[in-house]
Amino acid sequence: MNKINYNYIFNFEINYYFFRSLVLSVILIFL
């Protein structure tokens, strides 16, 4: 249970940072 939770949290953080980078890139390109 804890292992699954940690993987989920880890994957979420990776996706968050990736998404944030993507959004920032789009914003920069737009700007």
PDB file of all heavy atoms in Angstrom:
ATOM      1  N   MET A   1       0.843  -1.215   0.000  1.00  0.00           N
ATOM      2  CA  MET A   1       0.000   0.000   0.000  1.00  0.00           C
ATOM      3  C   MET A   1       0.858   1.235   0.000  1.00  0.00           C
ATOM      4  O   MET A   1       0.644   2.124  -0.785  1.00  0.00           O
ATOM      5  CB  MET A   1      -0.932  -0.016   1.230  1.00  0.00           C
ATOM      6  CG  MET A   1      -1.856   1.210   1.297  1.00  0.00           C
ATOM      7  SD  MET A   1      -3.089   1.119  -0.038  1.00  0.00           S
ATOM      8  CE  MET A   1      -3.929   2.628   0.327  1.00  0.00           C
ATOM      9  N   ASN A   2       1.807   1.243   0.830  1.00  0.00           N
ATOM     10  CA  ASN A   2       2.704   2.417   0.898  1.00  0.00           C
ATOM     11  C   ASN A   2       3.507   2.534  -0.366  1.00  0.00           C
ATOM     12  O   ASN A   2       3.782   3.618  -0.865  1.00  0.00           O
ATOM     13  CB  ASN A   2       3.633   2.311   2.113  1.00  0.00           C
ATOM     14  CG  ASN A   2       2.866   2.506   3.421  1.00  0.00           C
ATOM     15  OD1 ASN A   2       1.817   3.143   3.428  1.00  0.00           O
ATOM     16  ND2 ASN A   2       3.363   1.933   4.520  1.00  0.00           N
ATOM     17  N   LYS A   3       3.923   1.351  -0.914  1.00  0.00           N
ATOM     18  CA  LYS A   3       4.713   1.389  -2.142  1.00  0.00           C
ATOM     19  C   LYS A   3       3.903   1.995  -3.262  1.00  0.00           C
ATOM     20  O   LYS A   3       4.389   2.815  -4.013  1.00  0.00           O
ATOM     21  CB  LYS A   3       5.152  -0.024  -2.476  1.00  0.00           C
ATOM     22  CG  LYS A   3       6.046  -0.074  -3.705  1.00  0.00           C
ATOM     23  CD  LYS A   3       6.497  -1.520  -3.948  1.00  0.00           C
ATOM     24  CE  LYS A   3       7.406  -1.538  -5.158  1.00  0.00           C
ATOM     25  NZ  LYS A   3       7.885  -2.903  -5.447  1.00  0.00           N
ATOM     26  N   ILE A   4       2.645   1.543  -3.349  1.00  0.00           N
ATOM     27  CA  ILE A   4       1.794   2.088  -4.422  1.00  0.00           C
ATOM     28  C   ILE A   4       1.611   3.567  -4.233  1.00  0.00           C
ATOM     29  O   ILE A   4       1.695   4.332  -5.183  1.00  0.00           O
ATOM     30  CB  ILE A   4       0.420   1.372  -4.431  1.00  0.00           C
ATOM     31  CG1 ILE A   4       0.623  -0.097  -4.810  1.00  0.00           C
ATOM     32  CG2 ILE A   4      -0.548   2.043  -5.393  1.00  0.00           C
ATOM     33  CD1 ILE A   4      -0.639  -0.955  -4.686  1.00  0.00           C
ATOM     34  N   ASN A   5       1.399   3.954  -3.071  1.00  0.00           N
ATOM     35  CA  ASN A   5       1.192   5.394  -2.830  1.00  0.00           C
ATOM     36  C   ASN A   5       2.411   6.209  -3.195  1.00  0.00           C
ATOM     37  O   ASN A   5       2.311   7.276  -3.772  1.00  0.00           O
ATOM     38  CB  ASN A   5       0.826   5.639  -1.377  1.00  0.00           C
ATOM     39  CG  ASN A   5      -0.594   5.137  -1.083  1.00  0.00           C
ATOM     40  OD1 ASN A   5      -1.394   5.003  -1.996  1.00  0.00           O
ATOM     41  ND2 ASN A   5      -0.893   4.837   0.173  1.00  0.00           N
ATOM     42  N   TYR A   6       3.565   5.666  -2.871  1.00  0.00           N
ATOM     43  CA  TYR A   6       4.787   6.422  -3.188  1.00  0.00           C
ATOM     44  C   TYR A   6       4.994   6.521  -4.672  1.00  0.00           C
ATOM     45  O   TYR A   6       5.385   7.570  -5.182  1.00  0.00           O
ATOM     46  CB  TYR A   6       6.009   5.745  -2.537  1.00  0.00           C
ATOM     47  CG  TYR A   6       6.105   6.018  -1.046  1.00  0.00           C
ATOM     48  CD1 TYR A   6       6.243   4.928  -0.145  1.00  0.00           C
ATOM     49  CD2 TYR A   6       6.064   7.291  -0.525  1.00  0.00           C
ATOM     50  CE1 TYR A   6       6.314   5.159   1.228  1.00  0.00           C
ATOM     51  CE2 TYR A   6       6.149   7.524   0.843  1.00  0.00           C
ATOM     52  CZ  TYR A   6       6.277   6.496   1.699  1.00  0.00           C
ATOM     53  OH  TYR A   6       6.377   6.752   3.041  1.00  0.00           O
ATOM     54  N   ASN A   7       4.688   5.412  -5.378  1.00  0.00           N
ATOM     55  CA  ASN A   7       4.812   5.466  -6.850  1.00  0.00           C
ATOM     56  C   ASN A   7       3.839   6.464  -7.451  1.00  0.00           C
ATOM     57  O   ASN A   7       4.164   7.193  -8.385  1.00  0.00           O
ATOM     58  CB  ASN A   7       4.547   4.078  -7.437  1.00  0.00           C
ATOM     59  CG  ASN A   7       5.708   3.117  -7.131  1.00  0.00           C
ATOM     60  OD1 ASN A   7       6.839   3.561  -6.937  1.00  0.00           O
ATOM     61  ND2 ASN A   7       5.401   1.818  -7.082  1.00  0.00           N
ATOM     62  N   TYR A   8       2.695   6.463  -6.902  1.00  0.00           N
ATOM     63  CA  TYR A   8       1.691   7.415  -7.420  1.00  0.00           C
ATOM     64  C   TYR A   8       2.143   8.839  -7.196  1.00  0.00           C
ATOM     65  O   TYR A   8       2.071   9.670  -8.103  1.00  0.00           O
ATOM     66  CB  TYR A   8       0.356   7.157  -6.725  1.00  0.00           C
ATOM     67  CG  TYR A   8      -0.718   8.163  -7.110  1.00  0.00           C
ATOM     68  CD1 TYR A   8      -1.385   8.019  -8.323  1.00  0.00           C
ATOM     69  CD2 TYR A   8      -1.014   9.208  -6.257  1.00  0.00           C
ATOM     70  CE1 TYR A   8      -2.344   8.931  -8.645  1.00  0.00           C
ATOM     71  CE2 TYR A   8      -1.990  10.111  -6.606  1.00  0.00           C
ATOM     72  CZ  TYR A   8      -2.656   9.984  -7.803  1.00  0.00           C
ATOM     73  OH  TYR A   8      -3.617  10.897  -8.143  1.00  0.00           O
ATOM     74  N   ILE A   9       2.594   9.075  -6.009  1.00  0.00           N
ATOM     75  CA  ILE A   9       3.046  10.452  -5.699  1.00  0.00           C
ATOM     76  C   ILE A   9       4.208  10.824  -6.570  1.00  0.00           C
ATOM     77  O   ILE A   9       4.304  11.927  -7.108  1.00  0.00           O
ATOM     78  CB  ILE A   9       3.417  10.565  -4.210  1.00  0.00           C
ATOM     79  CG1 ILE A   9       2.141  10.392  -3.354  1.00  0.00           C
ATOM     80  CG2 ILE A   9       4.105  11.887  -3.916  1.00  0.00           C
ATOM     81  CD1 ILE A   9       2.426  10.265  -1.869  1.00  0.00           C
ATOM     82  N   PHE A  10       5.146   9.855  -6.761  1.00  0.00           N
ATOM     83  CA  PHE A  10       6.336  10.137  -7.561  1.00  0.00           C
ATOM     84  C   PHE A  10       5.930  10.441  -8.989  1.00  0.00           C
ATOM     85  O   PHE A  10       6.406  11.428  -9.586  1.00  0.00           O
ATOM     86  CB  PHE A  10       7.266   8.932  -7.492  1.00  0.00           C
ATOM     87  CG  PHE A  10       8.499   9.091  -8.359  1.00  0.00           C
ATOM     88  CD1 PHE A  10       9.534   9.892  -7.982  1.00  0.00           C
ATOM     89  CD2 PHE A  10       8.571   8.420  -9.589  1.00  0.00           C
ATOM     90  CE1 PHE A  10      10.652  10.023  -8.782  1.00  0.00           C
ATOM     91  CE2 PHE A  10       9.687   8.565 -10.373  1.00  0.00           C
ATOM     92  CZ  PHE A  10      10.727   9.390  -9.978  1.00  0.00           C
ATOM     93  N   ASN A  11       5.063   9.596  -9.570  1.00  0.00           N
ATOM     94  CA  ASN A  11       4.610   9.824 -10.950  1.00  0.00           C
ATOM     95  C   ASN A  11       3.862  11.151 -11.083  1.00  0.00           C
ATOM     96  O   ASN A  11       3.980  11.866 -12.082  1.00  0.00           O
ATOM     97  CB  ASN A  11       3.705   8.690 -11.416  1.00  0.00           C
ATOM     98  CG  ASN A  11       4.503   7.409 -11.607  1.00  0.00           C
ATOM     99  OD1 ASN A  11       5.689   7.478 -11.928  1.00  0.00           O
ATOM    100  ND2 ASN A  11       3.849   6.256 -11.411  1.00  0.00           N
ATOM    101  N   PHE A  12       3.130  11.485 -10.068  1.00  0.00           N
ATOM    102  CA  PHE A  12       2.381  12.749 -10.106  1.00  0.00           C
ATOM    103  C   PHE A  12       3.312  13.941 -10.122  1.00  0.00           C
ATOM    104  O   PHE A  12       3.127  14.887 -10.872  1.00  0.00           O
ATOM    105  CB  PHE A  12       1.434  12.805  -8.901  1.00  0.00           C
ATOM    106  CG  PHE A  12       0.678  14.107  -8.834  1.00  0.00           C
ATOM    107  CD1 PHE A  12      -0.407  14.337  -9.649  1.00  0.00           C
ATOM    108  CD2 PHE A  12       1.106  15.103  -7.955  1.00  0.00           C
ATOM    109  CE1 PHE A  12      -1.087  15.532  -9.570  1.00  0.00           C
ATOM    110  CE2 PHE A  12       0.407  16.275  -7.888  1.00  0.00           C
ATOM    111  CZ  PHE A  12      -0.681  16.511  -8.690  1.00  0.00           C
ATOM    112  N   GLU A  13       4.318  13.849  -9.318  1.00  0.00           N
ATOM    113  CA  GLU A  13       5.279  14.960  -9.271  1.00  0.00           C
ATOM    114  C   GLU A  13       5.998  15.104 -10.599  1.00  0.00           C
ATOM    115  O   GLU A  13       6.204  16.224 -11.096  1.00  0.00           O
ATOM    116  CB  GLU A  13       6.279  14.739  -8.143  1.00  0.00           C
ATOM    117  CG  GLU A  13       5.678  14.925  -6.754  1.00  0.00           C
ATOM    118  CD  GLU A  13       6.679  14.663  -5.644  1.00  0.00           C
ATOM    119  OE1 GLU A  13       7.791  14.167  -5.958  1.00  0.00           O
ATOM    120  OE2 GLU A  13       6.374  15.029  -4.512  1.00  0.00           O
ATOM    121  N   ILE A  14       6.388  13.903 -11.187  1.00  0.00           N
ATOM    122  CA  ILE A  14       7.051  13.986 -12.493  1.00  0.00           C
ATOM    123  C   ILE A  14       6.126  14.605 -13.513  1.00  0.00           C
ATOM    124  O   ILE A  14       6.506  15.494 -14.277  1.00  0.00           O
ATOM    125  CB  ILE A  14       7.486  12.572 -12.938  1.00  0.00           C
ATOM    126  CG1 ILE A  14       8.598  12.068 -12.019  1.00  0.00           C
ATOM    127  CG2 ILE A  14       7.953  12.586 -14.376  1.00  0.00           C
ATOM    128  CD1 ILE A  14       8.987  10.630 -12.276  1.00  0.00           C
ATOM    129  N   ASN A  15       4.873  14.157 -13.555  1.00  0.00           N
ATOM    130  CA  ASN A  15       3.896  14.711 -14.516  1.00  0.00           C
ATOM    131  C   ASN A  15       3.652  16.200 -14.278  1.00  0.00           C
ATOM    132  O   ASN A  15       3.474  16.973 -15.214  1.00  0.00           O
ATOM    133  CB  ASN A  15       2.583  13.935 -14.414  1.00  0.00           C
ATOM    134  CG  ASN A  15       2.743  12.516 -14.944  1.00  0.00           C
ATOM    135  OD1 ASN A  15       3.638  12.259 -15.755  1.00  0.00           O
ATOM    136  ND2 ASN A  15       1.899  11.596 -14.451  1.00  0.00           N
ATOM    137  N   TYR A  16       3.613  16.567 -13.035  1.00  0.00           N
ATOM    138  CA  TYR A  16       3.380  17.984 -12.694  1.00  0.00           C
ATOM    139  C   TYR A  16       4.494  18.848 -13.237  1.00  0.00           C
ATOM    140  O   TYR A  16       4.269  19.852 -13.898  1.00  0.00           O
ATOM    141  CB  TYR A  16       3.250  18.129 -11.183  1.00  0.00           C
ATOM    142  CG  TYR A  16       3.241  19.582 -10.726  1.00  0.00           C
ATOM    143  CD1 TYR A  16       2.112  20.367 -10.893  1.00  0.00           C
ATOM    144  CD2 TYR A  16       4.385  20.145 -10.171  1.00  0.00           C
ATOM    145  CE1 TYR A  16       2.108  21.674 -10.491  1.00  0.00           C
ATOM    146  CE2 TYR A  16       4.376  21.457  -9.759  1.00  0.00           C
ATOM    147  CZ  TYR A  16       3.259  22.236  -9.926  1.00  0.00           C
ATOM    148  OH  TYR A  16       3.253  23.560  -9.544  1.00  0.00           O
ATOM    149  N   TYR A  17       5.724  18.411 -12.959  1.00  0.00           N
ATOM    150  CA  TYR A  17       6.854  19.233 -13.425  1.00  0.00           C
ATOM    151  C   TYR A  17       6.959  19.235 -14.942  1.00  0.00           C
ATOM    152  O   TYR A  17       7.311  20.223 -15.580  1.00  0.00           O
ATOM    153  CB  TYR A  17       8.168  18.727 -12.798  1.00  0.00           C
ATOM    154  CG  TYR A  17       8.288  19.115 -11.340  1.00  0.00           C
ATOM    155  CD1 TYR A  17       8.257  18.138 -10.353  1.00  0.00           C
ATOM    156  CD2 TYR A  17       8.425  20.428 -10.952  1.00  0.00           C
ATOM    157  CE1 TYR A  17       8.358  18.492  -8.998  1.00  0.00           C
ATOM    158  CE2 TYR A  17       8.523  20.775  -9.610  1.00  0.00           C
ATOM    159  CZ  TYR A  17       8.503  19.814  -8.634  1.00  0.00           C
ATOM    160  OH  TYR A  17       8.602  20.186  -7.324  1.00  0.00           O
ATOM    161  N   PHE A  18       6.628  18.112 -15.540  1.00  0.00           N
ATOM    162  CA  PHE A  18       6.641  18.053 -17.006  1.00  0.00           C
ATOM    163  C   PHE A  18       5.584  18.971 -17.596  1.00  0.00           C
ATOM    164  O   PHE A  18       5.833  19.734 -18.531  1.00  0.00           O
ATOM    165  CB  PHE A  18       6.400  16.596 -17.442  1.00  0.00           C
ATOM    166  CG  PHE A  18       6.275  16.459 -18.923  1.00  0.00           C
ATOM    167  CD1 PHE A  18       7.380  16.473 -19.737  1.00  0.00           C
ATOM    168  CD2 PHE A  18       5.014  16.338 -19.524  1.00  0.00           C
ATOM    169  CE1 PHE A  18       7.251  16.352 -21.098  1.00  0.00           C
ATOM    170  CE2 PHE A  18       4.901  16.211 -20.877  1.00  0.00           C
ATOM    171  CZ  PHE A  18       6.017  16.229 -21.678  1.00  0.00           C
ATOM    172  N   PHE A  19       4.417  18.878 -17.009  1.00  0.00           N
ATOM    173  CA  PHE A  19       3.317  19.721 -17.486  1.00  0.00           C
ATOM    174  C   PHE A  19       3.629  21.200 -17.316  1.00  0.00           C
ATOM    175  O   PHE A  19       3.386  22.019 -18.173  1.00  0.00           O
ATOM    176  CB  PHE A  19       2.033  19.333 -16.733  1.00  0.00           C
ATOM    177  CG  PHE A  19       0.839  20.152 -17.156  1.00  0.00           C
ATOM    178  CD1 PHE A  19       0.204  19.906 -18.360  1.00  0.00           C
ATOM    179  CD2 PHE A  19       0.379  21.179 -16.339  1.00  0.00           C
ATOM    180  CE1 PHE A  19      -0.884  20.649 -18.737  1.00  0.00           C
ATOM    181  CE2 PHE A  19      -0.711  21.911 -16.735  1.00  0.00           C
ATOM    182  CZ  PHE A  19      -1.346  21.667 -17.937  1.00  0.00           C
ATOM    183  N   ARG A  20       4.209  21.436 -16.131  1.00  0.00           N
ATOM    184  CA  ARG A  20       4.534  22.856 -15.870  1.00  0.00           C
ATOM    185  C   ARG A  20       5.569  23.342 -16.871  1.00  0.00           C
ATOM    186  O   ARG A  20       5.480  24.451 -17.406  1.00  0.00           O
ATOM    187  CB  ARG A  20       5.050  23.013 -14.450  1.00  0.00           C
ATOM    188  CG  ARG A  20       5.208  24.484 -14.051  1.00  0.00           C
ATOM    189  CD  ARG A  20       5.675  24.621 -12.626  1.00  0.00           C
ATOM    190  NE  ARG A  20       7.076  24.184 -12.523  1.00  0.00           N
ATOM    191  CZ  ARG A  20       7.796  24.347 -11.422  1.00  0.00           C
ATOM    192  NH1 ARG A  20       7.239  24.902 -10.342  1.00  0.00           N
ATOM    193  NH2 ARG A  20       9.047  23.938 -11.395  1.00  0.00           N
ATOM    194  N   SER A  21       6.538  22.532 -17.183  1.00  0.00           N
ATOM    195  CA  SER A  21       7.567  22.916 -18.161  1.00  0.00           C
ATOM    196  C   SER A  21       6.943  23.125 -19.528  1.00  0.00           C
ATOM    197  O   SER A  21       7.286  24.071 -20.263  1.00  0.00           O
ATOM    198  CB  SER A  21       8.651  21.846 -18.228  1.00  0.00           C
ATOM    199  OG  SER A  21       9.284  21.744 -16.984  1.00  0.00           O
ATOM    200  N   LEU A  22       6.034  22.233 -19.851  1.00  0.00           N
ATOM    201  CA  LEU A  22       5.370  22.353 -21.147  1.00  0.00           C
ATOM    202  C   LEU A  22       4.576  23.655 -21.248  1.00  0.00           C
ATOM    203  O   LEU A  22       4.626  24.367 -22.254  1.00  0.00           O
ATOM    204  CB  LEU A  22       4.468  21.130 -21.357  1.00  0.00           C
ATOM    205  CG  LEU A  22       3.688  21.092 -22.682  1.00  0.00           C
ATOM    206  CD1 LEU A  22       4.669  21.062 -23.862  1.00  0.00           C
ATOM    207  CD2 LEU A  22       2.751  19.895 -22.732  1.00  0.00           C
ATOM    208  N   VAL A  23       3.820  23.906 -20.191  1.00  0.00           N
ATOM    209  CA  VAL A  23       3.012  25.146 -20.188  1.00  0.00           C
ATOM    210  C   VAL A  23       3.893  26.376 -20.280  1.00  0.00           C
ATOM    211  O   VAL A  23       3.618  27.321 -21.018  1.00  0.00           O
ATOM    212  CB  VAL A  23       2.115  25.191 -18.926  1.00  0.00           C
ATOM    213  CG1 VAL A  23       1.450  26.565 -18.813  1.00  0.00           C
ATOM    214  CG2 VAL A  23       1.061  24.115 -18.989  1.00  0.00           C
ATOM    215  N   LEU A  24       4.978  26.340 -19.473  1.00  0.00           N
ATOM    216  CA  LEU A  24       5.887  27.499 -19.506  1.00  0.00           C
ATOM    217  C   LEU A  24       6.488  27.685 -20.887  1.00  0.00           C
ATOM    218  O   LEU A  24       6.642  28.801 -21.378  1.00  0.00           O
ATOM    219  CB  LEU A  24       6.991  27.329 -18.469  1.00  0.00           C
ATOM    220  CG  LEU A  24       6.551  27.488 -17.008  1.00  0.00           C
ATOM    221  CD1 LEU A  24       7.708  27.140 -16.060  1.00  0.00           C
ATOM    222  CD2 LEU A  24       6.088  28.916 -16.760  1.00  0.00           C
ATOM    223  N   SER A  25       6.783  26.530 -21.540  1.00  0.00           N
ATOM    224  CA  SER A  25       7.358  26.635 -22.891  1.00  0.00           C
ATOM    225  C   SER A  25       6.365  27.270 -23.864  1.00  0.00           C
ATOM    226  O   SER A  25       6.698  28.123 -24.698  1.00  0.00           O
ATOM    227  CB  SER A  25       7.766  25.240 -23.384  1.00  0.00           C
ATOM    228  OG  SER A  25       8.780  24.733 -22.569  1.00  0.00           O
ATOM    229  N   VAL A  26       5.120  26.808 -23.752  1.00  0.00           N
ATOM    230  CA  VAL A  26       4.083  27.374 -24.633  1.00  0.00           C
ATOM    231  C   VAL A  26       3.896  28.866 -24.396  1.00  0.00           C
ATOM    232  O   VAL A  26       3.777  29.662 -25.325  1.00  0.00           O
ATOM    233  CB  VAL A  26       2.753  26.625 -24.416  1.00  0.00           C
ATOM    234  CG1 VAL A  26       1.625  27.320 -25.193  1.00  0.00           C
ATOM    235  CG2 VAL A  26       2.888  25.176 -24.869  1.00  0.00           C
ATOM    236  N   ILE A  27       3.882  29.179 -23.109  1.00  0.00           N
ATOM    237  CA  ILE A  27       3.717  30.610 -22.759  1.00  0.00           C
ATOM    238  C   ILE A  27       4.852  31.445 -23.323  1.00  0.00           C
ATOM    239  O   ILE A  27       4.655  32.527 -23.896  1.00  0.00           O
ATOM    240  CB  ILE A  27       3.593  30.786 -21.230  1.00  0.00           C
ATOM    241  CG1 ILE A  27       2.264  30.172 -20.740  1.00  0.00           C
ATOM    242  CG2 ILE A  27       3.691  32.253 -20.853  1.00  0.00           C
ATOM    243  CD1 ILE A  27       2.130  30.153 -19.230  1.00  0.00           C
ATOM    244  N   LEU A  28       6.065  30.907 -23.184  1.00  0.00           N
ATOM    245  CA  LEU A  28       7.228  31.648 -23.689  1.00  0.00           C
ATOM    246  C   LEU A  28       7.172  31.812 -25.201  1.00  0.00           C
ATOM    247  O   LEU A  28       7.476  32.871 -25.743  1.00  0.00           O
ATOM    248  CB  LEU A  28       8.530  30.940 -23.271  1.00  0.00           C
ATOM    249  CG  LEU A  28       8.887  31.033 -21.788  1.00  0.00           C
ATOM    250  CD1 LEU A  28      10.091  30.142 -21.462  1.00  0.00           C
ATOM    251  CD2 LEU A  28       9.190  32.478 -21.417  1.00  0.00           C
ATOM    252  N   ILE A  29       6.776  30.662 -25.857  1.00  0.00           N
ATOM    253  CA  ILE A  29       6.644  30.746 -27.324  1.00  0.00           C
ATOM    254  C   ILE A  29       5.594  31.780 -27.708  1.00  0.00           C
ATOM    255  O   ILE A  29       5.766  32.589 -28.615  1.00  0.00           O
ATOM    256  CB  ILE A  29       6.293  29.364 -27.894  1.00  0.00           C
ATOM    257  CG1 ILE A  29       7.488  28.423 -27.725  1.00  0.00           C
ATOM    258  CG2 ILE A  29       5.901  29.480 -29.365  1.00  0.00           C
ATOM    259  CD1 ILE A  29       7.151  26.987 -28.045  1.00  0.00           C
ATOM    260  N   PHE A  30       4.476  31.779 -27.001  1.00  0.00           N
ATOM    261  CA  PHE A  30       3.402  32.745 -27.270  1.00  0.00           C
ATOM    262  C   PHE A  30       3.863  34.164 -27.063  1.00  0.00           C
ATOM    263  O   PHE A  30       3.635  35.051 -27.867  1.00  0.00           O
ATOM    264  CB  PHE A  30       2.204  32.419 -26.375  1.00  0.00           C
ATOM    265  CG  PHE A  30       1.070  33.399 -26.541  1.00  0.00           C
ATOM    266  CD1 PHE A  30       0.221  33.322 -27.619  1.00  0.00           C
ATOM    267  CD2 PHE A  30       0.879  34.427 -25.600  1.00  0.00           C
ATOM    268  CE1 PHE A  30      -0.806  34.223 -27.777  1.00  0.00           C
ATOM    269  CE2 PHE A  30      -0.152  35.312 -25.759  1.00  0.00           C
ATOM    270  CZ  PHE A  30      -1.001  35.231 -26.853  1.00  0.00           C
ATOM    271  N   LEU A  31       4.529  34.343 -25.915  1.00  0.00           N
ATOM    272  CA  LEU A  31       5.025  35.695 -25.602  1.00  0.00           C
ATOM    273  C   LEU A  31       6.029  36.158 -26.624  1.00  0.00           C
ATOM    274  O   LEU A  31       6.045  37.311 -27.053  1.00  0.00           O
ATOM    275  CB  LEU A  31       5.623  35.733 -24.195  1.00  0.00           C
ATOM    276  CG  LEU A  31       4.629  35.604 -23.044  1.00  0.00           C
ATOM    277  CD1 LEU A  31       5.358  35.524 -21.705  1.00  0.00           C
ATOM    278  CD2 LEU A  31       3.668  36.790 -23.053  1.00  0.00           C
TER     279      LEU A  31
END
